[in-house]
């Protein structure tokens, strides 16, 4: 028998005991994506307008991504996009899939796919940035 009140027993414990951490990461990645997405969209629109033909646009885009500051910002954008997407997908999977083995499989697949696609994008940017 506990001497604690019901409120004292549950204080600080969410249903999963870690929902606040997930909530804040999702909000922080969303907040970080606002200026990063604006930067990337403006940069891509500028590149599209700069080229006369496809080869010219391609070479201009490679030169733009090869700039160190741009490369870092694009890498951070890619990492944030896939992390934010994985966090959102995790919430949907946890809310709507009830069979534990399907839920676990879906969560692992979503996380694995996010990591793989983020690495592919980051390696592509790094390859351009270092001149490979």
Protein backbone atom coordinates (compact mmCIF):
# COMPACT_ATOMS: atom_id res chain seq x y z
CA UNK A 1 0.00 0.00 0.00
CA UNK A 2 1.35 3.36 -1.02
CA UNK A 3 1.06 6.55 0.97
CA UNK A 4 1.21 8.63 -2.23
CA UNK A 5 -1.84 10.30 -3.70
CA UNK A 6 -2.92 9.16 -7.17
CA UNK A 7 -1.56 12.39 -8.65
CA UNK A 8 1.83 11.91 -6.98
CA UNK A 9 2.08 8.37 -8.37
CA UNK A 10 1.56 9.42 -12.00
CA UNK A 11 3.31 12.78 -11.99
CA UNK A 12 5.94 12.94 -14.71
CA UNK A 13 4.89 9.69 -16.33
CA UNK A 14 3.26 9.81 -19.73
CA UNK A 15 1.67 6.80 -21.33
CA UNK A 16 4.98 5.80 -22.90
CA UNK A 17 7.14 7.65 -20.36
CA UNK A 18 8.99 9.44 -23.17
CA UNK A 19 6.40 11.29 -25.23
CA UNK A 20 7.68 14.74 -24.33
CA UNK A 21 11.12 14.00 -25.77
CA UNK A 22 9.60 12.85 -29.04
CA UNK A 23 7.21 15.83 -29.12
CA UNK A 24 10.03 18.34 -28.70
CA UNK A 25 12.28 16.71 -31.29
CA UNK A 26 9.46 16.82 -33.81
CA UNK A 27 8.83 20.51 -33.09
CA UNK A 28 12.53 21.40 -33.18
CA UNK A 29 13.09 19.67 -36.51
CA UNK A 30 10.01 21.41 -37.93
CA UNK A 31 11.30 24.77 -36.72
CA UNK A 32 14.76 24.11 -38.18
CA UNK A 33 13.25 23.06 -41.50
CA UNK A 34 11.52 26.41 -42.06
CA UNK A 35 14.64 28.48 -42.83
CA UNK A 36 16.45 25.50 -44.37
CA UNK A 37 13.58 24.81 -46.77
CA UNK A 38 13.33 28.49 -47.71
CA UNK A 39 17.09 28.52 -48.40
CA UNK A 40 16.91 25.40 -50.58
CA UNK A 41 13.81 26.49 -52.51
CA UNK A 42 15.23 29.96 -53.24
CA UNK A 43 18.55 28.42 -54.22
CA UNK A 44 16.93 25.91 -56.57
CA UNK A 45 14.67 28.53 -58.13
CA UNK A 46 17.69 30.77 -58.69
CA UNK A 47 19.57 27.88 -60.29
CA UNK A 48 16.65 27.06 -62.57
CA UNK A 49 16.50 30.64 -63.79
CA UNK A 50 20.29 30.86 -64.24
CA UNK A 51 20.77 28.20 -66.90
CA UNK A 52 20.12 28.56 -70.60
CA UNK A 53 19.99 24.81 -71.21
CA UNK A 54 20.04 21.61 -69.17
CA UNK A 55 23.84 21.19 -69.21
CA UNK A 56 24.34 24.79 -68.14
CA UNK A 57 21.86 24.41 -65.26
CA UNK A 58 23.49 21.13 -64.19
CA UNK A 59 26.97 22.67 -64.05
CA UNK A 60 25.66 25.71 -62.17
CA UNK A 61 23.91 23.45 -59.64
CA UNK A 62 27.08 21.41 -59.09
CA UNK A 63 29.08 24.59 -58.54
CA UNK A 64 26.46 25.89 -56.10
CA UNK A 65 26.39 22.67 -54.05
CA UNK A 66 30.21 22.52 -54.07
CA UNK A 67 30.35 25.76 -52.04
CA UNK A 68 31.20 24.71 -48.44
CA UNK A 69 28.45 26.72 -46.71
CA UNK A 70 25.80 25.54 -49.16
CA UNK A 71 26.98 21.92 -48.86
CA UNK A 72 26.70 22.04 -45.06
CA UNK A 73 23.23 23.62 -45.21
CA UNK A 74 22.02 21.06 -47.76
CA UNK A 75 23.40 18.17 -45.65
CA UNK A 76 21.67 19.55 -42.55
CA UNK A 77 18.45 19.97 -44.54
CA UNK A 78 18.58 16.36 -45.76
CA UNK A 79 19.24 15.07 -42.24
CA UNK A 80 16.40 17.15 -40.75
CA UNK A 81 13.90 16.20 -43.47
CA UNK A 82 14.41 12.49 -42.99
CA UNK A 83 14.55 12.68 -39.19
CA UNK A 84 11.39 14.79 -39.07
CA UNK A 85 9.63 12.47 -41.51
CA UNK A 86 10.63 9.41 -39.50
CA UNK A 87 9.34 11.00 -36.29
CA UNK A 88 6.00 11.80 -37.90
CA UNK A 89 5.69 8.34 -39.41
CA UNK A 90 6.49 6.81 -36.03
CA UNK A 91 3.54 8.63 -34.45
CA UNK A 92 1.20 7.41 -37.19
CA UNK A 93 2.45 3.82 -36.87
CA UNK A 94 2.15 3.84 -33.07
CA UNK A 95 -1.36 5.29 -33.22
CA UNK A 96 -2.89 3.15 -35.96
CA UNK A 97 -1.13 -0.21 -35.96
CA UNK A 98 -2.12 -2.35 -33.02
CA UNK A 99 -0.51 -5.74 -33.66
CA UNK A 100 2.85 -5.56 -31.87
CA UNK A 101 4.90 -7.50 -34.41
CA UNK A 102 3.56 -5.42 -37.32
CA UNK A 103 4.12 -2.21 -35.34
CA UNK A 104 7.71 -3.17 -34.51
CA UNK A 105 8.42 -4.20 -38.10
CA UNK A 106 6.94 -0.98 -39.47
CA UNK A 107 8.89 1.17 -36.98
CA UNK A 108 12.17 -0.56 -37.78
CA UNK A 109 11.53 -0.34 -41.51
CA UNK A 110 10.67 3.37 -41.30
CA UNK A 111 13.78 4.14 -39.27
CA UNK A 112 16.01 2.03 -41.52
CA UNK A 113 14.60 3.64 -44.68
CA UNK A 114 15.05 7.14 -43.25
CA UNK A 115 18.69 6.44 -42.38
CA UNK A 116 19.44 4.83 -45.75
CA UNK A 117 17.83 7.60 -47.81
CA UNK A 118 19.43 10.33 -45.68
CA UNK A 119 22.85 8.70 -46.14
CA UNK A 120 22.32 8.45 -49.90
CA UNK A 121 21.45 12.15 -50.08
CA UNK A 122 24.28 13.23 -47.80
CA UNK A 123 26.86 11.13 -49.66
CA UNK A 124 25.67 12.61 -52.97
CA UNK A 125 26.14 16.14 -51.65
CA UNK A 126 29.55 15.27 -50.17
CA UNK A 127 30.64 13.71 -53.44
CA UNK A 128 29.80 16.90 -55.27
CA UNK A 129 31.32 19.09 -52.55
CA UNK A 130 34.70 17.34 -52.52
CA UNK A 131 34.81 17.19 -56.30
CA UNK A 132 34.37 13.43 -56.76
